[in-house]
Amino acid sequence: VQLVESGGGLVQPGGSLRLSCIASGSFGTSDMAWYRQALGKECEFVADISSTFRTNYAESVWDRFTISRVDVQNTINLQMNSLRPEDTAVYYCHSVVPSVWGQGTQVTVSP
C-alpha cells in the first residue's frame, strides 16, 4: 500500500483546508491517522480513525479538525477549520497496520 496526501497550501489564520490521503490499495481494517511535523519540532499525533469510525484527536485540534474515511474510495480526509499559525507543519497520512507513511503535504498558516 502506498499513501499519497494532497490538499495542503497557504491559508490565512481562521481559514480552512481539507487534506486527503489516497491509498494505492485497500486500507482493510487498519486504523488510519494524521500526524504533523513543524520545522525544528518532533512529529506529533493529530487524529486517527478506526475501521469502525471511532476517532481520536490531539487536544490542540479536537474542536477544529475532523477526520473521516471512505473505505470504498481508499481515502482518508482531514477537514481543518479555524486554522492557526501554530498549525503550520508538514502533515503525514499513516496506516497503522501495515505501517505505511505518505510523503507529506505542507500546510502553512500565515497572514
N, C-alpha and C. Protein backbone atom coordinates (compact mmCIF):
# COMPACT_ATOMS: atom_id res chain seq x y z
N VAL A 1 0.85 -1.19 0.00
CA VAL A 1 0.00 0.00 0.00
C VAL A 1 0.89 1.24 0.00
N GLN A 2 0.57 2.18 -0.85
CA GLN A 2 1.23 3.48 -0.84
C GLN A 2 0.19 4.55 -0.53
N LEU A 3 0.62 5.58 0.19
CA LEU A 3 -0.28 6.66 0.59
C LEU A 3 0.18 7.96 -0.03
N VAL A 4 -0.74 8.71 -0.60
CA VAL A 4 -0.41 9.98 -1.23
C VAL A 4 -1.33 11.06 -0.68
N GLU A 5 -0.74 12.06 -0.03
CA GLU A 5 -1.52 13.16 0.53
C GLU A 5 -1.65 14.30 -0.49
N SER A 6 -2.71 15.07 -0.32
CA SER A 6 -2.91 16.27 -1.13
C SER A 6 -3.77 17.25 -0.34
N GLY A 7 -3.83 18.47 -0.85
CA GLY A 7 -4.72 19.46 -0.24
C GLY A 7 -4.03 20.51 0.61
N GLY A 8 -2.73 20.38 0.79
CA GLY A 8 -2.02 21.38 1.58
C GLY A 8 -1.90 22.69 0.81
N GLY A 9 -1.42 23.72 1.51
CA GLY A 9 -1.23 25.01 0.87
C GLY A 9 -1.08 26.11 1.88
N LEU A 10 -1.20 27.33 1.38
CA LEU A 10 -1.08 28.53 2.22
C LEU A 10 -2.48 29.06 2.51
N VAL A 11 -2.75 29.34 3.76
CA VAL A 11 -4.06 29.86 4.15
C VAL A 11 -3.88 30.88 5.25
N GLN A 12 -4.78 31.84 5.31
CA GLN A 12 -4.71 32.85 6.36
C GLN A 12 -5.25 32.30 7.68
N PRO A 13 -4.83 32.86 8.78
CA PRO A 13 -5.40 32.44 10.07
C PRO A 13 -6.92 32.55 10.06
N GLY A 14 -7.55 31.53 10.61
CA GLY A 14 -9.00 31.47 10.61
C GLY A 14 -9.58 30.75 9.41
N GLY A 15 -8.74 30.45 8.44
CA GLY A 15 -9.20 29.78 7.24
C GLY A 15 -9.32 28.28 7.40
N SER A 16 -9.65 27.61 6.29
CA SER A 16 -9.87 26.16 6.30
C SER A 16 -9.11 25.50 5.15
N LEU A 17 -8.74 24.26 5.40
CA LEU A 17 -8.18 23.40 4.36
C LEU A 17 -8.71 22.00 4.56
N ARG A 18 -8.74 21.25 3.47
CA ARG A 18 -9.15 19.84 3.54
C ARG A 18 -8.05 19.00 2.94
N LEU A 19 -7.43 18.18 3.77
CA LEU A 19 -6.39 17.28 3.31
C LEU A 19 -7.01 15.94 2.94
N SER A 20 -6.46 15.31 1.91
CA SER A 20 -6.90 13.98 1.53
C SER A 20 -5.70 13.06 1.43
N CYS A 21 -5.94 11.80 1.69
CA CYS A 21 -4.91 10.77 1.60
C CYS A 21 -5.52 9.60 0.83
N ILE A 22 -4.93 9.28 -0.29
CA ILE A 22 -5.45 8.20 -1.12
C ILE A 22 -4.46 7.05 -1.09
N ALA A 23 -4.97 5.85 -0.87
CA ALA A 23 -4.15 4.66 -0.82
C ALA A 23 -4.18 3.94 -2.17
N SER A 24 -3.05 3.36 -2.51
CA SER A 24 -2.97 2.62 -3.77
C SER A 24 -3.70 1.30 -3.67
N GLY A 25 -3.91 0.84 -2.42
CA GLY A 25 -4.65 -0.39 -2.21
C GLY A 25 -5.66 -0.18 -1.12
N SER A 26 -6.25 -1.25 -0.65
CA SER A 26 -7.29 -1.15 0.37
C SER A 26 -6.68 -0.90 1.75
N PHE A 27 -7.37 -0.07 2.55
CA PHE A 27 -6.96 0.12 3.94
C PHE A 27 -7.23 -1.14 4.76
N GLY A 28 -8.16 -1.96 4.31
CA GLY A 28 -8.57 -3.11 5.09
C GLY A 28 -9.19 -2.64 6.39
N THR A 29 -8.75 -3.24 7.47
CA THR A 29 -9.29 -2.88 8.79
C THR A 29 -8.30 -2.00 9.57
N SER A 30 -7.33 -1.45 8.87
CA SER A 30 -6.30 -0.66 9.56
C SER A 30 -6.86 0.62 10.14
N ASP A 31 -6.41 0.96 11.34
CA ASP A 31 -6.60 2.31 11.84
C ASP A 31 -5.77 3.24 10.96
N MET A 32 -6.29 4.42 10.71
CA MET A 32 -5.61 5.41 9.89
C MET A 32 -5.44 6.68 10.71
N ALA A 33 -4.35 7.41 10.45
CA ALA A 33 -4.06 8.57 11.28
C ALA A 33 -3.42 9.68 10.46
N TRP A 34 -3.49 10.87 11.02
CA TRP A 34 -2.75 12.02 10.53
C TRP A 34 -1.76 12.44 11.62
N TYR A 35 -0.55 12.73 11.21
CA TYR A 35 0.48 13.30 12.06
C TYR A 35 0.99 14.57 11.40
N ARG A 36 1.70 15.37 12.15
CA ARG A 36 2.30 16.56 11.57
C ARG A 36 3.65 16.83 12.20
N GLN A 37 4.49 17.51 11.44
CA GLN A 37 5.81 17.87 11.95
C GLN A 37 6.12 19.30 11.52
N ALA A 38 6.24 20.16 12.51
CA ALA A 38 6.63 21.53 12.26
C ALA A 38 8.15 21.62 12.18
N LEU A 39 8.62 22.65 11.52
CA LEU A 39 10.06 22.82 11.33
C LEU A 39 10.76 22.89 12.68
N GLY A 40 11.74 22.04 12.88
CA GLY A 40 12.52 22.03 14.10
C GLY A 40 11.85 21.35 15.28
N LYS A 41 10.70 20.73 15.05
CA LYS A 41 9.98 20.05 16.12
C LYS A 41 9.78 18.57 15.81
N GLU A 42 9.42 17.83 16.82
CA GLU A 42 9.17 16.40 16.64
C GLU A 42 7.81 16.18 15.98
N CYS A 43 7.70 15.04 15.35
CA CYS A 43 6.43 14.66 14.74
C CYS A 43 5.39 14.45 15.84
N GLU A 44 4.17 14.95 15.63
CA GLU A 44 3.15 14.80 16.66
C GLU A 44 1.85 14.27 16.07
N PHE A 45 1.13 13.54 16.89
CA PHE A 45 -0.17 12.98 16.53
C PHE A 45 -1.19 14.08 16.36
N VAL A 46 -2.03 13.96 15.33
CA VAL A 46 -3.11 14.92 15.11
C VAL A 46 -4.47 14.26 15.34
N ALA A 47 -4.72 13.15 14.63
CA ALA A 47 -6.02 12.48 14.73
C ALA A 47 -5.91 11.09 14.17
N ASP A 48 -6.79 10.19 14.62
CA ASP A 48 -6.89 8.88 14.00
C ASP A 48 -8.33 8.42 13.94
N ILE A 49 -8.53 7.40 13.10
CA ILE A 49 -9.88 6.84 12.92
C ILE A 49 -9.75 5.35 12.72
N SER A 50 -10.57 4.60 13.43
CA SER A 50 -10.53 3.14 13.33
C SER A 50 -11.41 2.68 12.17
N SER A 51 -11.35 1.36 11.92
CA SER A 51 -12.20 0.78 10.87
C SER A 51 -13.67 0.86 11.24
N THR A 52 -13.95 1.05 12.54
CA THR A 52 -15.34 1.21 12.99
C THR A 52 -15.69 2.68 13.18
N PHE A 53 -14.82 3.55 12.65
CA PHE A 53 -15.07 5.00 12.62
C PHE A 53 -14.98 5.67 13.99
N ARG A 54 -14.33 5.02 14.93
CA ARG A 54 -14.03 5.66 16.20
C ARG A 54 -12.88 6.63 15.98
N THR A 55 -13.00 7.83 16.51
CA THR A 55 -11.98 8.86 16.26
C THR A 55 -11.33 9.34 17.55
N ASN A 56 -10.09 9.80 17.41
CA ASN A 56 -9.35 10.43 18.50
C ASN A 56 -8.64 11.65 17.94
N TYR A 57 -8.51 12.66 18.77
CA TYR A 57 -7.88 13.89 18.33
C TYR A 57 -6.87 14.39 19.36
N ALA A 58 -5.85 15.08 18.88
CA ALA A 58 -4.97 15.79 19.78
C ALA A 58 -5.75 16.92 20.43
N GLU A 59 -5.39 17.23 21.65
CA GLU A 59 -6.12 18.27 22.39
C GLU A 59 -6.10 19.60 21.65
N SER A 60 -5.03 19.87 20.93
CA SER A 60 -4.88 21.17 20.27
C SER A 60 -5.79 21.33 19.05
N VAL A 61 -6.39 20.22 18.57
CA VAL A 61 -7.17 20.31 17.34
C VAL A 61 -8.58 19.78 17.49
N TRP A 62 -8.98 19.19 18.62
CA TRP A 62 -10.20 18.39 18.70
C TRP A 62 -11.45 19.16 18.30
N ASP A 63 -11.47 20.45 18.55
CA ASP A 63 -12.68 21.21 18.25
C ASP A 63 -12.58 21.94 16.92
N ARG A 64 -11.52 21.68 16.15
CA ARG A 64 -11.35 22.40 14.88
C ARG A 64 -11.15 21.46 13.69
N PHE A 65 -10.64 20.27 13.94
CA PHE A 65 -10.33 19.32 12.86
C PHE A 65 -11.31 18.14 12.91
N THR A 66 -11.57 17.57 11.74
CA THR A 66 -12.43 16.39 11.64
C THR A 66 -11.79 15.38 10.69
N ILE A 67 -11.56 14.18 11.19
CA ILE A 67 -11.02 13.11 10.37
C ILE A 67 -12.16 12.22 9.89
N SER A 68 -12.05 11.75 8.66
CA SER A 68 -13.07 10.85 8.12
C SER A 68 -12.40 9.87 7.17
N ARG A 69 -13.10 8.79 6.88
CA ARG A 69 -12.59 7.80 5.95
C ARG A 69 -13.71 7.31 5.05
N VAL A 70 -13.36 7.05 3.80
CA VAL A 70 -14.29 6.47 2.84
C VAL A 70 -13.59 5.24 2.28
N ASP A 71 -13.86 4.10 2.88
CA ASP A 71 -13.10 2.89 2.55
C ASP A 71 -13.28 2.46 1.10
N VAL A 72 -14.46 2.64 0.57
CA VAL A 72 -14.67 2.21 -0.82
C VAL A 72 -13.85 3.03 -1.80
N GLN A 73 -13.43 4.21 -1.35
CA GLN A 73 -12.57 5.07 -2.17
C GLN A 73 -11.13 5.03 -1.71
N ASN A 74 -10.84 4.22 -0.67
CA ASN A 74 -9.48 4.15 -0.09
C ASN A 74 -8.95 5.54 0.23
N THR A 75 -9.81 6.35 0.86
CA THR A 75 -9.48 7.75 1.11
C THR A 75 -9.69 8.11 2.57
N ILE A 76 -8.73 8.88 3.10
CA ILE A 76 -8.83 9.47 4.42
C ILE A 76 -8.81 10.99 4.25
N ASN A 77 -9.66 11.68 4.94
CA ASN A 77 -9.69 13.13 4.85
C ASN A 77 -9.46 13.76 6.22
N LEU A 78 -8.94 14.98 6.18
CA LEU A 78 -8.80 15.77 7.40
C LEU A 78 -9.30 17.17 7.09
N GLN A 79 -10.47 17.49 7.61
CA GLN A 79 -11.03 18.83 7.45
C GLN A 79 -10.49 19.69 8.58
N MET A 80 -9.83 20.78 8.21
CA MET A 80 -9.19 21.65 9.20
C MET A 80 -9.83 23.04 9.12
N ASN A 81 -10.44 23.44 10.19
CA ASN A 81 -11.10 24.74 10.28
C ASN A 81 -10.41 25.61 11.33
N SER A 82 -10.69 26.88 11.27
CA SER A 82 -10.15 27.84 12.24
C SER A 82 -8.64 27.65 12.40
N LEU A 83 -7.96 27.61 11.30
CA LEU A 83 -6.52 27.34 11.33
C LEU A 83 -5.75 28.46 11.99
N ARG A 84 -4.68 28.06 12.67
CA ARG A 84 -3.82 29.00 13.41
C ARG A 84 -2.39 28.89 12.89
N PRO A 85 -1.59 29.91 13.08
CA PRO A 85 -0.19 29.83 12.65
C PRO A 85 0.54 28.61 13.22
N GLU A 86 0.18 28.21 14.44
CA GLU A 86 0.84 27.06 15.06
C GLU A 86 0.44 25.73 14.43
N ASP A 87 -0.53 25.75 13.51
CA ASP A 87 -0.87 24.54 12.76
C ASP A 87 0.05 24.34 11.56
N THR A 88 0.92 25.30 11.30
CA THR A 88 1.86 25.19 10.19
C THR A 88 2.77 23.99 10.40
N ALA A 89 2.81 23.10 9.42
CA ALA A 89 3.59 21.87 9.53
C ALA A 89 3.45 21.08 8.22
N VAL A 90 4.26 20.04 8.12
CA VAL A 90 4.04 19.03 7.09
C VAL A 90 3.13 17.98 7.70
N TYR A 91 2.05 17.68 7.02
CA TYR A 91 1.06 16.72 7.51
C TYR A 91 1.25 15.39 6.78
N TYR A 92 1.28 14.33 7.57
CA TYR A 92 1.52 12.98 7.05
C TYR A 92 0.33 12.07 7.33
N CYS A 93 -0.03 11.30 6.35
CA CYS A 93 -1.03 10.25 6.49
C CYS A 93 -0.30 8.97 6.90
N HIS A 94 -0.93 8.18 7.77
CA HIS A 94 -0.28 6.98 8.29
C HIS A 94 -1.28 5.85 8.43
N SER A 95 -0.91 4.72 7.84
CA SER A 95 -1.64 3.47 8.06
C SER A 95 -0.94 2.72 9.19
N VAL A 96 -1.71 2.30 10.19
CA VAL A 96 -1.11 1.66 11.35
C VAL A 96 -0.64 0.24 11.04
N VAL A 97 -1.53 -0.55 10.40
CA VAL A 97 -1.19 -1.93 10.08
C VAL A 97 -1.62 -2.21 8.65
N PRO A 98 -0.69 -2.39 7.71
CA PRO A 98 0.76 -2.31 7.91
C PRO A 98 1.18 -0.87 8.13
N SER A 99 2.35 -0.69 8.72
CA SER A 99 2.83 0.66 8.97
C SER A 99 3.36 1.27 7.68
N VAL A 100 2.61 2.25 7.19
CA VAL A 100 2.97 2.94 5.95
C VAL A 100 2.76 4.43 6.17
N TRP A 101 3.69 5.22 5.65
CA TRP A 101 3.60 6.68 5.74
C TRP A 101 3.54 7.30 4.35
N GLY A 102 2.77 8.35 4.22
CA GLY A 102 2.78 9.12 2.99
C GLY A 102 3.98 10.04 2.95
N GLN A 103 4.10 10.80 1.86
CA GLN A 103 5.26 11.67 1.67
C GLN A 103 5.06 13.03 2.35
N GLY A 104 3.83 13.33 2.73
CA GLY A 104 3.55 14.57 3.44
C GLY A 104 3.06 15.67 2.52
N THR A 105 2.29 16.59 3.09
CA THR A 105 1.83 17.77 2.38
C THR A 105 1.98 18.97 3.30
N GLN A 106 2.51 20.07 2.75
CA GLN A 106 2.80 21.25 3.57
C GLN A 106 1.55 22.09 3.79
N VAL A 107 1.32 22.44 5.03
CA VAL A 107 0.27 23.38 5.40
C VAL A 107 0.93 24.59 6.05
N THR A 108 0.67 25.76 5.51
CA THR A 108 1.23 27.00 6.05
C THR A 108 0.10 27.95 6.37
N VAL A 109 0.04 28.39 7.62
CA VAL A 109 -0.99 29.33 8.06
C VAL A 109 -0.30 30.64 8.39
N SER A 110 -0.56 31.64 7.57
CA SER A 110 0.14 32.91 7.71
C SER A 110 -0.70 34.03 7.12
N PRO A 111 -0.62 35.23 7.73
CA PRO A 111 -1.38 36.37 7.18
C PRO A 111 -0.93 36.70 5.76
